[in-house]
Amino acid sequence: MAEAKKTTKAPEPIEAEVVETTAAEKVAPAKAGKRSQKALKEADEKQAKEERKAETDTSTDEKVKVTAKAARSRLERRGKNYQKSAKLVDRSTTYSIAEALKLATKTSTVKFDASVEMHVRLGVDPRQADQNIRQTVSLPAGTGKKVRVAVFADVDDVAKAKQAGADIAAGEEFLQQLEKGEINFDILIATPAMMPKLGKYARVLGPKGLMPNPKSGTVTPNVAKAVTEANAGRVEYRVDSTGIVHVNIGKVSFGKDKLQDNAKAILESIKAAKPASVKGAYVQSVFVTTTMGPSIPVALSDV
């Protein structure tokens, strides 16, 4: 009986355990630090996709570089007439005042009588009160522009202003025009006694550059003289925030000689207004140009 029991005992399922263990390994998640077959396959596909995209981007960039046009210079973006005029100016040299003005009249291609302008860069600091240059000068040949002169004064001075050639000359009734917003004048002259009454309209006249000022000669007891000078060609100039003076010296139709007389009058006035506190070079550069024309450098030795 004992031997029968021994023979009927089933052997241990060794192979079954091995099979079960192998199946368990397939089902169990990957250990930390290792990647599954699926993850490796996805990574390979992602890398291949990025490589294809990089190749596409590179080819596209090459096409853009080939088809892109070179940036045009500032001169090339201007009109044909301006480019033609600019070729007459030699940028590698500077011109005397006479040569620059003669050349300016040749470079004007517009159909109207263009203005001739002078731009002078000064070695001043406009933030300093004594270096904020503001002057008036009477041009020998005039400005070539008809100006409308208005005078605000009492009865006696109104009559004198009209005789001198003022377009508008009035007393209290002039304030009524300002109340209505009627500003049909280019220069306003007033006597010192009438200035307090204009204070109310400073916000209207100031931004337009029409507020009378003693420095510009538009606040004076001699209104007849001021009117005569204004009609004869008196201009006012002042430095801007960058220290440059921009002033009109006449028209192209004036010719070289008249323009040269006006230019010399401007330069003499600028040099006479040199502040004592300025150190170093006072006049740093001078350019002459016309309306819609190229700028022409002027030699400082000639200034």
C-alpha atoms as a PDB file:
ATOM      1  CA  MET A   1       0.000   0.000   0.000  1.00  0.00           C
ATOM      2  CA  ALA A   2       2.851   2.369   0.845  1.00  0.00           C
ATOM      3  CA  GLU A   3       4.487   1.788  -2.502  1.00  0.00           C
ATOM      4  CA  ALA A   4       1.207   2.468  -4.328  1.00  0.00           C
ATOM      5  CA  LYS A   5       0.848   5.822  -2.650  1.00  0.00           C
ATOM      6  CA  LYS A   6       4.375   6.792  -3.667  1.00  0.00           C
ATOM      7  CA  THR A   7       3.789   5.968  -7.297  1.00  0.00           C
ATOM      8  CA  THR A   8       0.494   7.837  -7.474  1.00  0.00           C
ATOM      9  CA  LYS A   9       2.078  11.156  -6.222  1.00  0.00           C
ATOM     10  CA  ALA A  10       2.139  13.653  -9.077  1.00  0.00           C
ATOM     11  CA  PRO A  11       5.458  15.278  -9.974  1.00  0.00           C
ATOM     12  CA  GLU A  12       5.965  19.044  -9.336  1.00  0.00           C
ATOM     13  CA  PRO A  13       4.872  21.179 -12.342  1.00  0.00           C
ATOM     14  CA  ILE A  14       8.290  22.723 -13.034  1.00  0.00           C
ATOM     15  CA  GLU A  15       7.618  23.482 -16.687  1.00  0.00           C
ATOM     16  CA  ALA A  16       4.259  25.020 -15.858  1.00  0.00           C
ATOM     17  CA  GLU A  17       5.905  27.409 -13.434  1.00  0.00           C
ATOM     18  CA  VAL A  18       8.401  28.474 -16.083  1.00  0.00           C
ATOM     19  CA  VAL A  19       5.614  29.134 -18.545  1.00  0.00           C
ATOM     20  CA  GLU A  20       3.620  31.109 -15.995  1.00  0.00           C
ATOM     21  CA  THR A  21       6.669  33.180 -15.045  1.00  0.00           C
ATOM     22  CA  THR A  22       7.356  34.049 -18.672  1.00  0.00           C
ATOM     23  CA  ALA A  23       3.775  35.148 -19.223  1.00  0.00           C
ATOM     24  CA  ALA A  24       3.907  37.281 -16.100  1.00  0.00           C
ATOM     25  CA  GLU A  25       6.984  39.066 -17.361  1.00  0.00           C
ATOM     26  CA  LYS A  26       5.171  39.952 -20.583  1.00  0.00           C
ATOM     27  CA  VAL A  27       2.175  41.349 -18.758  1.00  0.00           C
ATOM     28  CA  ALA A  28       4.066  43.254 -16.054  1.00  0.00           C
ATOM     29  CA  PRO A  29       5.021  46.915 -16.787  1.00  0.00           C
ATOM     30  CA  ALA A  30       8.628  47.811 -17.685  1.00  0.00           C
ATOM     31  CA  LYS A  31      10.941  48.425 -14.774  1.00  0.00           C
ATOM     32  CA  ALA A  32      12.121  51.960 -13.983  1.00  0.00           C
ATOM     33  CA  GLY A  33      14.971  53.043 -16.277  1.00  0.00           C
ATOM     34  CA  LYS A  34      13.948  50.722 -19.124  1.00  0.00           C
ATOM     35  CA  ARG A  35      11.696  51.478 -22.117  1.00  0.00           C
ATOM     36  CA  SER A  36       9.166  49.114 -23.620  1.00  0.00           C
ATOM     37  CA  GLN A  37       9.250  47.999 -27.233  1.00  0.00           C
ATOM     38  CA  LYS A  38       6.251  50.199 -28.003  1.00  0.00           C
ATOM     39  CA  ALA A  39       7.918  53.290 -26.523  1.00  0.00           C
ATOM     40  CA  LEU A  40      11.119  52.637 -28.466  1.00  0.00           C
ATOM     41  CA  LYS A  41       9.151  52.307 -31.686  1.00  0.00           C
ATOM     42  CA  GLU A  42       7.292  55.593 -31.043  1.00  0.00           C
ATOM     43  CA  ALA A  43      10.567  57.377 -30.299  1.00  0.00           C
ATOM     44  CA  ASP A  44      12.092  56.152 -33.559  1.00  0.00           C
ATOM     45  CA  GLU A  45       9.056  57.324 -35.527  1.00  0.00           C
ATOM     46  CA  LYS A  46       9.150  60.742 -33.838  1.00  0.00           C
ATOM     47  CA  GLN A  47      12.838  61.182 -34.581  1.00  0.00           C
ATOM     48  CA  ALA A  48      12.337  60.188 -38.211  1.00  0.00           C
ATOM     49  CA  LYS A  49       9.491  62.714 -38.496  1.00  0.00           C
ATOM     50  CA  GLU A  50      11.638  65.529 -37.060  1.00  0.00           C
ATOM     51  CA  GLU A  51      14.457  64.707 -39.470  1.00  0.00           C
ATOM     52  CA  ARG A  52      12.069  64.869 -42.430  1.00  0.00           C
ATOM     53  CA  LYS A  53      10.721  68.208 -41.160  1.00  0.00           C
ATOM     54  CA  ALA A  54      14.234  69.617 -40.736  1.00  0.00           C
ATOM     55  CA  GLU A  55      15.096  68.627 -44.310  1.00  0.00           C
ATOM     56  CA  THR A  56      11.932  70.330 -45.562  1.00  0.00           C
ATOM     57  CA  ASP A  57      12.653  73.542 -43.592  1.00  0.00           C
ATOM     58  CA  THR A  58      16.232  73.662 -44.900  1.00  0.00           C
ATOM     59  CA  SER A  59      15.113  73.325 -48.495  1.00  0.00           C
ATOM     60  CA  THR A  60      12.467  76.016 -47.949  1.00  0.00           C
ATOM     61  CA  ASP A  61      15.035  78.414 -46.432  1.00  0.00           C
ATOM     62  CA  GLU A  62      17.315  77.854 -49.394  1.00  0.00           C
ATOM     63  CA  LYS A  63      14.475  78.673 -51.776  1.00  0.00           C
ATOM     64  CA  VAL A  64      13.671  81.861 -49.830  1.00  0.00           C
ATOM     65  CA  LYS A  65      17.311  82.935 -49.896  1.00  0.00           C
ATOM     66  CA  VAL A  66      17.459  82.424 -53.614  1.00  0.00           C
ATOM     67  CA  THR A  67      14.200  84.226 -54.392  1.00  0.00           C
ATOM     68  CA  ALA A  68      14.598  87.093 -51.856  1.00  0.00           C
ATOM     69  CA  LYS A  69      15.632  90.429 -53.405  1.00  0.00           C
ATOM     70  CA  ALA A  70      18.448  92.530 -51.997  1.00  0.00           C
ATOM     71  CA  ALA A  71      17.292  95.525 -49.915  1.00  0.00           C
ATOM     72  CA  ARG A  72      17.283  98.760 -51.915  1.00  0.00           C
ATOM     73  CA  SER A  73      19.236 101.769 -50.692  1.00  0.00           C
ATOM     74  CA  ARG A  74      17.504 104.956 -49.582  1.00  0.00           C
ATOM     75  CA  LEU A  75      18.388 106.683 -52.834  1.00  0.00           C
ATOM     76  CA  GLU A  76      16.980 103.823 -54.927  1.00  0.00           C
ATOM     77  CA  ARG A  77      13.636 104.183 -53.169  1.00  0.00           C
ATOM     78  CA  ARG A  78      13.312 107.803 -54.294  1.00  0.00           C
ATOM     79  CA  GLY A  79      11.739 109.010 -57.514  1.00  0.00           C
ATOM     80  CA  LYS A  80      13.508 109.083 -60.865  1.00  0.00           C
ATOM     81  CA  ASN A  81      13.810 112.878 -60.926  1.00  0.00           C
ATOM     82  CA  TYR A  82      15.346 112.917 -57.451  1.00  0.00           C
ATOM     83  CA  GLN A  83      17.859 110.215 -58.395  1.00  0.00           C
ATOM     84  CA  LYS A  84      18.804 112.184 -61.473  1.00  0.00           C
ATOM     85  CA  SER A  85      19.358 115.335 -59.393  1.00  0.00           C
ATOM     86  CA  ALA A  86      21.285 113.470 -56.705  1.00  0.00           C
ATOM     87  CA  LYS A  87      23.837 112.316 -59.292  1.00  0.00           C
ATOM     88  CA  LEU A  88      24.848 115.952 -59.786  1.00  0.00           C
ATOM     89  CA  VAL A  89      25.997 116.195 -56.143  1.00  0.00           C
ATOM     90  CA  ASP A  90      29.397 114.759 -55.286  1.00  0.00           C
ATOM     91  CA  ARG A  91      29.071 113.373 -51.740  1.00  0.00           C
ATOM     92  CA  SER A  92      32.838 112.980 -51.373  1.00  0.00           C
ATOM     93  CA  THR A  93      33.446 116.735 -51.394  1.00  0.00           C
ATOM     94  CA  THR A  94      32.089 119.998 -49.973  1.00  0.00           C
ATOM     95  CA  TYR A  95      31.176 123.118 -51.909  1.00  0.00           C
ATOM     96  CA  SER A  96      31.591 126.823 -51.381  1.00  0.00           C
ATOM     97  CA  ILE A  97      28.403 128.774 -50.698  1.00  0.00           C
ATOM     98  CA  ALA A  98      28.346 130.134 -54.258  1.00  0.00           C
ATOM     99  CA  GLU A  99      28.876 126.673 -55.787  1.00  0.00           C
ATOM    100  CA  ALA A 100      26.305 125.038 -53.487  1.00  0.00           C
ATOM    101  CA  LEU A 101      23.613 127.604 -54.308  1.00  0.00           C
ATOM    102  CA  LYS A 102      24.331 127.404 -58.038  1.00  0.00           C
ATOM    103  CA  LEU A 103      24.074 123.629 -57.868  1.00  0.00           C
ATOM    104  CA  ALA A 104      20.866 123.854 -55.806  1.00  0.00           C
ATOM    105  CA  THR A 105      19.102 125.751 -58.582  1.00  0.00           C
ATOM    106  CA  LYS A 106      20.110 122.987 -61.034  1.00  0.00           C
ATOM    107  CA  THR A 107      18.884 120.131 -58.835  1.00  0.00           C
ATOM    108  CA  SER A 108      15.363 121.555 -58.481  1.00  0.00           C
ATOM    109  CA  THR A 109      13.130 119.555 -60.836  1.00  0.00           C
ATOM    110  CA  VAL A 110       9.693 120.532 -59.497  1.00  0.00           C
ATOM    111  CA  LYS A 111       7.281 122.472 -61.660  1.00  0.00           C
ATOM    112  CA  PHE A 112       6.768 125.303 -59.130  1.00  0.00           C
ATOM    113  CA  ASP A 113       9.180 127.950 -57.850  1.00  0.00           C
ATOM    114  CA  ALA A 114      10.819 125.922 -55.096  1.00  0.00           C
ATOM    115  CA  SER A 115      12.128 127.413 -51.868  1.00  0.00           C
ATOM    116  CA  VAL A 116      15.837 127.275 -51.031  1.00  0.00           C
ATOM    117  CA  GLU A 117      16.620 126.278 -47.465  1.00  0.00           C
ATOM    118  CA  MET A 118      19.732 126.400 -45.309  1.00  0.00           C
ATOM    119  CA  HIS A 119      20.267 123.969 -42.439  1.00  0.00           C
ATOM    120  CA  VAL A 120      22.998 124.807 -39.928  1.00  0.00           C
ATOM    121  CA  ARG A 121      24.007 122.425 -37.135  1.00  0.00           C
ATOM    122  CA  LEU A 122      25.349 124.294 -34.117  1.00  0.00           C
ATOM    123  CA  GLY A 123      27.343 123.034 -31.161  1.00  0.00           C
ATOM    124  CA  VAL A 124      24.811 124.318 -28.633  1.00  0.00           C
ATOM    125  CA  ASP A 125      22.562 122.753 -26.020  1.00  0.00           C
ATOM    126  CA  PRO A 126      19.026 124.147 -26.546  1.00  0.00           C
ATOM    127  CA  ARG A 127      18.100 123.013 -23.019  1.00  0.00           C
ATOM    128  CA  GLN A 128      20.305 125.810 -21.674  1.00  0.00           C
ATOM    129  CA  ALA A 129      18.493 129.146 -21.665  1.00  0.00           C
ATOM    130  CA  ASP A 130      21.484 131.133 -22.930  1.00  0.00           C
ATOM    131  CA  GLN A 131      22.092 128.660 -25.777  1.00  0.00           C
ATOM    132  CA  ASN A 132      18.497 128.524 -27.042  1.00  0.00           C
ATOM    133  CA  ILE A 133      19.259 130.824 -29.965  1.00  0.00           C
ATOM    134  CA  ARG A 134      16.393 132.791 -31.472  1.00  0.00           C
ATOM    135  CA  GLN A 135      16.980 135.754 -33.764  1.00  0.00           C
ATOM    136  CA  THR A 136      15.466 137.753 -36.598  1.00  0.00           C
ATOM    137  CA  VAL A 137      17.246 139.025 -39.689  1.00  0.00           C
ATOM    138  CA  SER A 138      16.192 141.053 -42.706  1.00  0.00           C
ATOM    139  CA  LEU A 139      17.182 139.353 -45.935  1.00  0.00           C
ATOM    140  CA  PRO A 140      18.657 141.740 -48.551  1.00  0.00           C
ATOM    141  CA  ALA A 141      16.761 140.096 -51.406  1.00  0.00           C
ATOM    142  CA  GLY A 142      13.639 139.251 -49.372  1.00  0.00           C
ATOM    143  CA  THR A 143      12.050 135.833 -49.037  1.00  0.00           C
ATOM    144  CA  GLY A 144      10.090 135.785 -52.273  1.00  0.00           C
ATOM    145  CA  LYS A 145       6.980 135.048 -50.292  1.00  0.00           C
ATOM    146  CA  LYS A 146       4.063 137.379 -49.732  1.00  0.00           C
ATOM    147  CA  VAL A 147       3.319 137.622 -46.014  1.00  0.00           C
ATOM    148  CA  ARG A 148       0.161 138.918 -44.383  1.00  0.00           C
ATOM    149  CA  VAL A 149       0.966 141.303 -41.551  1.00  0.00           C
ATOM    150  CA  ALA A 150      -1.492 142.094 -38.762  1.00  0.00           C
ATOM    151  CA  VAL A 151      -1.060 144.850 -36.169  1.00  0.00           C
ATOM    152  CA  PHE A 152      -2.802 145.045 -32.798  1.00  0.00           C
ATOM    153  CA  ALA A 153      -2.427 148.564 -31.424  1.00  0.00           C
ATOM    154  CA  ASP A 154      -4.279 151.681 -30.338  1.00  0.00           C
ATOM    155  CA  VAL A 155      -5.913 154.147 -32.723  1.00  0.00           C
ATOM    156  CA  ASP A 156      -2.831 156.259 -33.498  1.00  0.00           C
ATOM    157  CA  ASP A 157      -0.566 153.273 -34.176  1.00  0.00           C
ATOM    158  CA  VAL A 158      -3.259 151.573 -36.267  1.00  0.00           C
ATOM    159  CA  ALA A 159      -3.173 154.485 -38.721  1.00  0.00           C
ATOM    160  CA  LYS A 160       0.643 154.353 -38.918  1.00  0.00           C
ATOM    161  CA  ALA A 161       0.575 150.591 -39.508  1.00  0.00           C
ATOM    162  CA  LYS A 162      -1.889 150.928 -42.378  1.00  0.00           C
ATOM    163  CA  GLN A 163       0.295 153.562 -44.022  1.00  0.00           C
ATOM    164  CA  ALA A 164       3.316 151.244 -43.698  1.00  0.00           C
ATOM    165  CA  GLY A 165       1.458 148.482 -45.569  1.00  0.00           C
ATOM    166  CA  ALA A 166      -0.126 146.305 -42.888  1.00  0.00           C
ATOM    167  CA  ASP A 167      -2.826 143.942 -44.195  1.00  0.00           C
ATOM    168  CA  ILE A 168      -4.767 144.059 -40.920  1.00  0.00           C
ATOM    169  CA  ALA A 169      -4.549 146.851 -38.349  1.00  0.00           C
ATOM    170  CA  ALA A 170      -7.098 147.161 -35.556  1.00  0.00           C
ATOM    171  CA  GLY A 171      -7.632 147.653 -31.851  1.00  0.00           C
ATOM    172  CA  GLU A 172     -10.295 145.995 -29.713  1.00  0.00           C
ATOM    173  CA  GLU A 173     -12.157 144.699 -32.768  1.00  0.00           C
ATOM    174  CA  PHE A 174      -9.112 142.553 -33.568  1.00  0.00           C
ATOM    175  CA  LEU A 175      -9.811 140.531 -30.409  1.00  0.00           C
ATOM    176  CA  GLN A 176     -13.297 139.785 -31.723  1.00  0.00           C
ATOM    177  CA  GLN A 177     -11.742 138.135 -34.778  1.00  0.00           C
ATOM    178  CA  LEU A 178      -9.574 135.968 -32.513  1.00  0.00           C
ATOM    179  CA  GLU A 179     -12.681 134.997 -30.521  1.00  0.00           C
ATOM    180  CA  LYS A 180     -14.233 133.689 -33.727  1.00  0.00           C
ATOM    181  CA  GLY A 181     -11.043 131.803 -34.613  1.00  0.00           C
ATOM    182  CA  GLU A 182     -10.307 133.998 -37.630  1.00  0.00           C
ATOM    183  CA  ILE A 183      -6.531 133.837 -38.071  1.00  0.00           C
ATOM    184  CA  ASN A 184      -5.873 135.142 -41.568  1.00  0.00           C
ATOM    185  CA  PHE A 185      -2.339 136.533 -41.094  1.00  0.00           C
ATOM    186  CA  ASP A 186       1.239 135.244 -41.066  1.00  0.00           C
ATOM    187  CA  ILE A 187       2.862 137.778 -38.708  1.00  0.00           C
ATOM    188  CA  LEU A 188       1.293 139.535 -35.740  1.00  0.00           C
ATOM    189  CA  ILE A 189       2.795 142.767 -34.404  1.00  0.00           C
ATOM    190  CA  ALA A 190       1.626 144.407 -31.182  1.00  0.00           C
ATOM    191  CA  THR A 191       2.620 147.357 -29.023  1.00  0.00           C
ATOM    192  CA  PRO A 192       3.821 146.692 -25.445  1.00  0.00           C
ATOM    193  CA  ALA A 193       0.711 148.389 -24.016  1.00  0.00           C
ATOM    194  CA  MET A 194      -1.625 145.982 -25.854  1.00  0.00           C
ATOM    195  CA  MET A 195       0.232 142.753 -25.039  1.00  0.00           C
ATOM    196  CA  PRO A 196      -1.623 141.993 -21.743  1.00  0.00           C
ATOM    197  CA  LYS A 197      -4.869 141.736 -23.711  1.00  0.00           C
ATOM    198  CA  LEU A 198      -3.378 139.033 -25.944  1.00  0.00           C
ATOM    199  CA  GLY A 199      -2.505 136.790 -23.004  1.00  0.00           C
ATOM    200  CA  LYS A 200      -5.940 135.197 -23.170  1.00  0.00           C
ATOM    201  CA  TYR A 201      -5.208 133.929 -26.700  1.00  0.00           C
ATOM    202  CA  ALA A 202      -1.692 132.612 -26.068  1.00  0.00           C
ATOM    203  CA  ARG A 203      -2.901 129.001 -26.345  1.00  0.00           C
ATOM    204  CA  VAL A 204      -4.252 129.725 -29.821  1.00  0.00           C
ATOM    205  CA  LEU A 205      -1.435 131.896 -31.178  1.00  0.00           C
ATOM    206  CA  GLY A 206       1.516 130.202 -29.448  1.00  0.00           C
ATOM    207  CA  PRO A 207       1.384 126.764 -31.145  1.00  0.00           C
ATOM    208  CA  LYS A 208       1.060 128.489 -34.536  1.00  0.00           C
ATOM    209  CA  GLY A 209       4.148 130.635 -33.892  1.00  0.00           C
ATOM    210  CA  LEU A 210       2.095 133.829 -34.116  1.00  0.00           C
ATOM    211  CA  MET A 211       2.373 135.103 -30.538  1.00  0.00           C
ATOM    212  CA  PRO A 212       4.252 138.451 -30.580  1.00  0.00           C
ATOM    213  CA  ASN A 213       7.644 138.330 -28.894  1.00  0.00           C
ATOM    214  CA  PRO A 214      10.193 141.075 -28.135  1.00  0.00           C
ATOM    215  CA  LYS A 215      13.065 138.791 -29.264  1.00  0.00           C
ATOM    216  CA  SER A 216      11.526 138.428 -32.707  1.00  0.00           C
ATOM    217  CA  GLY A 217      10.840 142.147 -33.004  1.00  0.00           C
ATOM    218  CA  THR A 218       7.066 141.724 -33.100  1.00  0.00           C
ATOM    219  CA  VAL A 219       6.510 143.566 -29.804  1.00  0.00           C
ATOM    220  CA  THR A 220       7.595 147.130 -30.425  1.00  0.00           C
ATOM    221  CA  PRO A 221       6.319 150.703 -29.997  1.00  0.00           C
ATOM    222  CA  ASN A 222       7.423 151.500 -33.570  1.00  0.00           C
ATOM    223  CA  VAL A 223       4.869 149.399 -35.469  1.00  0.00           C
ATOM    224  CA  ALA A 224       5.474 151.204 -38.790  1.00  0.00           C
ATOM    225  CA  LYS A 225       9.117 150.115 -38.867  1.00  0.00           C
ATOM    226  CA  ALA A 226       8.196 146.553 -37.904  1.00  0.00           C
ATOM    227  CA  VAL A 227       5.639 146.350 -40.714  1.00  0.00           C
ATOM    228  CA  THR A 228       8.139 147.660 -43.266  1.00  0.00           C
ATOM    229  CA  GLU A 229      10.767 145.107 -42.200  1.00  0.00           C
ATOM    230  CA  ALA A 230       8.252 142.264 -42.282  1.00  0.00           C
ATOM    231  CA  ASN A 231       7.192 143.109 -45.813  1.00  0.00           C
ATOM    232  CA  ALA A 232      10.809 143.610 -46.914  1.00  0.00           C
ATOM    233  CA  GLY A 233      11.799 140.072 -46.002  1.00  0.00           C
ATOM    234  CA  ARG A 234      12.501 139.736 -42.307  1.00  0.00           C
ATOM    235  CA  VAL A 235      12.715 136.124 -41.161  1.00  0.00           C
ATOM    236  CA  GLU A 236      12.918 134.579 -37.726  1.00  0.00           C
ATOM    237  CA  TYR A 237      14.974 131.505 -36.942  1.00  0.00           C
ATOM    238  CA  ARG A 238      15.677 129.437 -33.851  1.00  0.00           C
ATOM    239  CA  VAL A 239      17.445 126.184 -33.019  1.00  0.00           C
ATOM    240  CA  ASP A 240      15.333 123.073 -32.701  1.00  0.00           C
ATOM    241  CA  SER A 241      15.654 120.446 -29.968  1.00  0.00           C
ATOM    242  CA  THR A 242      18.678 118.900 -31.745  1.00  0.00           C
ATOM    243  CA  GLY A 243      20.591 122.180 -32.135  1.00  0.00           C
ATOM    244  CA  ILE A 244      19.855 122.733 -35.848  1.00  0.00           C
ATOM    245  CA  VAL A 245      18.710 125.986 -37.467  1.00  0.00           C
ATOM    246  CA  HIS A 246      16.324 125.589 -40.418  1.00  0.00           C
ATOM    247  CA  VAL A 247      15.712 128.794 -42.379  1.00  0.00           C
ATOM    248  CA  ASN A 248      14.320 129.740 -45.784  1.00  0.00           C
ATOM    249  CA  ILE A 249      16.706 131.980 -47.752  1.00  0.00           C
ATOM    250  CA  GLY A 250      14.642 132.586 -50.885  1.00  0.00           C
ATOM    251  CA  LYS A 251      13.361 131.008 -54.085  1.00  0.00           C
ATOM    252  CA  VAL A 252      15.068 129.176 -56.939  1.00  0.00           C
ATOM    253  CA  SER A 253      14.041 132.004 -59.270  1.00  0.00           C
ATOM    254  CA  PHE A 254      16.237 134.428 -57.275  1.00  0.00           C
ATOM    255  CA  GLY A 255      19.382 133.086 -58.895  1.00  0.00           C
ATOM    256  CA  LYS A 256      22.787 132.458 -57.329  1.00  0.00           C
ATOM    257  CA  ASP A 257      23.707 136.069 -56.460  1.00  0.00           C
ATOM    258  CA  LYS A 258      20.564 137.001 -54.524  1.00  0.00           C
ATOM    259  CA  LEU A 259      20.543 133.686 -52.716  1.00  0.00           C
ATOM    260  CA  GLN A 260      24.191 134.170 -51.767  1.00  0.00           C
ATOM    261  CA  ASP A 261      23.441 137.607 -50.281  1.00  0.00           C
ATOM    262  CA  ASN A 262      20.633 136.138 -48.174  1.00  0.00           C
ATOM    263  CA  ALA A 263      22.771 133.179 -47.090  1.00  0.00           C
ATOM    264  CA  LYS A 264      25.610 135.436 -45.936  1.00  0.00           C
ATOM    265  CA  ALA A 265      23.153 137.583 -43.949  1.00  0.00           C
ATOM    266  CA  ILE A 266      21.854 134.467 -42.170  1.00  0.00           C
ATOM    267  CA  LEU A 267      25.332 133.130 -41.396  1.00  0.00           C
ATOM    268  CA  GLU A 268      26.531 136.504 -40.085  1.00  0.00           C
ATOM    269  CA  SER A 269      23.498 136.692 -37.802  1.00  0.00           C
ATOM    270  CA  ILE A 270      24.081 133.141 -36.516  1.00  0.00           C
ATOM    271  CA  LYS A 271      27.762 133.821 -35.804  1.00  0.00           C
ATOM    272  CA  ALA A 272      26.912 137.093 -34.041  1.00  0.00           C
ATOM    273  CA  ALA A 273      24.463 135.227 -31.787  1.00  0.00           C
ATOM    274  CA  LYS A 274      27.118 132.787 -30.519  1.00  0.00           C
ATOM    275  CA  PRO A 275      26.658 132.305 -26.744  1.00  0.00           C
ATOM    276  CA  ALA A 276      29.687 132.968 -24.568  1.00  0.00           C
ATOM    277  CA  SER A 277      29.194 129.625 -22.792  1.00  0.00           C
ATOM    278  CA  VAL A 278      29.694 127.541 -25.956  1.00  0.00           C
ATOM    279  CA  LYS A 279      33.011 125.702 -26.048  1.00  0.00           C
ATOM    280  CA  GLY A 280      34.514 124.029 -29.080  1.00  0.00           C
ATOM    281  CA  ALA A 281      33.231 124.266 -32.656  1.00  0.00           C
ATOM    282  CA  TYR A 282      30.165 126.517 -32.889  1.00  0.00           C
ATOM    283  CA  VAL A 283      29.133 125.884 -36.521  1.00  0.00           C
ATOM    284  CA  GLN A 284      29.501 122.137 -37.112  1.00  0.00           C
ATOM    285  CA  SER A 285      27.884 121.628 -40.527  1.00  0.00           C
ATOM    286  CA  VAL A 286      25.961 123.564 -43.176  1.00  0.00           C
ATOM    287  CA  PHE A 287      23.723 122.145 -45.894  1.00  0.00           C
ATOM    288  CA  VAL A 288      21.756 123.806 -48.686  1.00  0.00           C
ATOM    289  CA  THR A 289      18.732 122.197 -50.319  1.00  0.00           C
ATOM    290  CA  THR A 290      15.599 122.986 -52.285  1.00  0.00           C
ATOM    291  CA  THR A 291      12.034 121.801 -51.893  1.00  0.00           C
ATOM    292  CA  MET A 292      12.066 118.061 -52.717  1.00  0.00           C
ATOM    293  CA  GLY A 293      15.712 118.291 -53.793  1.00  0.00           C
ATOM    294  CA  PRO A 294      18.928 116.639 -52.534  1.00  0.00           C
ATOM    295  CA  SER A 295      21.024 118.293 -49.817  1.00  0.00           C
ATOM    296  CA  ILE A 296      24.359 119.878 -50.734  1.00  0.00           C
ATOM    297  CA  PRO A 297      27.169 120.092 -48.147  1.00  0.00           C
ATOM    298  CA  VAL A 298      28.873 123.469 -47.687  1.00  0.00           C
ATOM    299  CA  ALA A 299      32.553 123.750 -46.748  1.00  0.00           C
ATOM    300  CA  LEU A 300      32.979 125.162 -43.233  1.00  0.00           C
ATOM    301  CA  SER A 301      36.096 127.005 -44.381  1.00  0.00           C
ATOM    302  CA  ASP A 302      33.866 129.110 -46.612  1.00  0.00           C
ATOM    303  CA  VAL A 303      31.524 129.810 -43.685  1.00  0.00           C
END
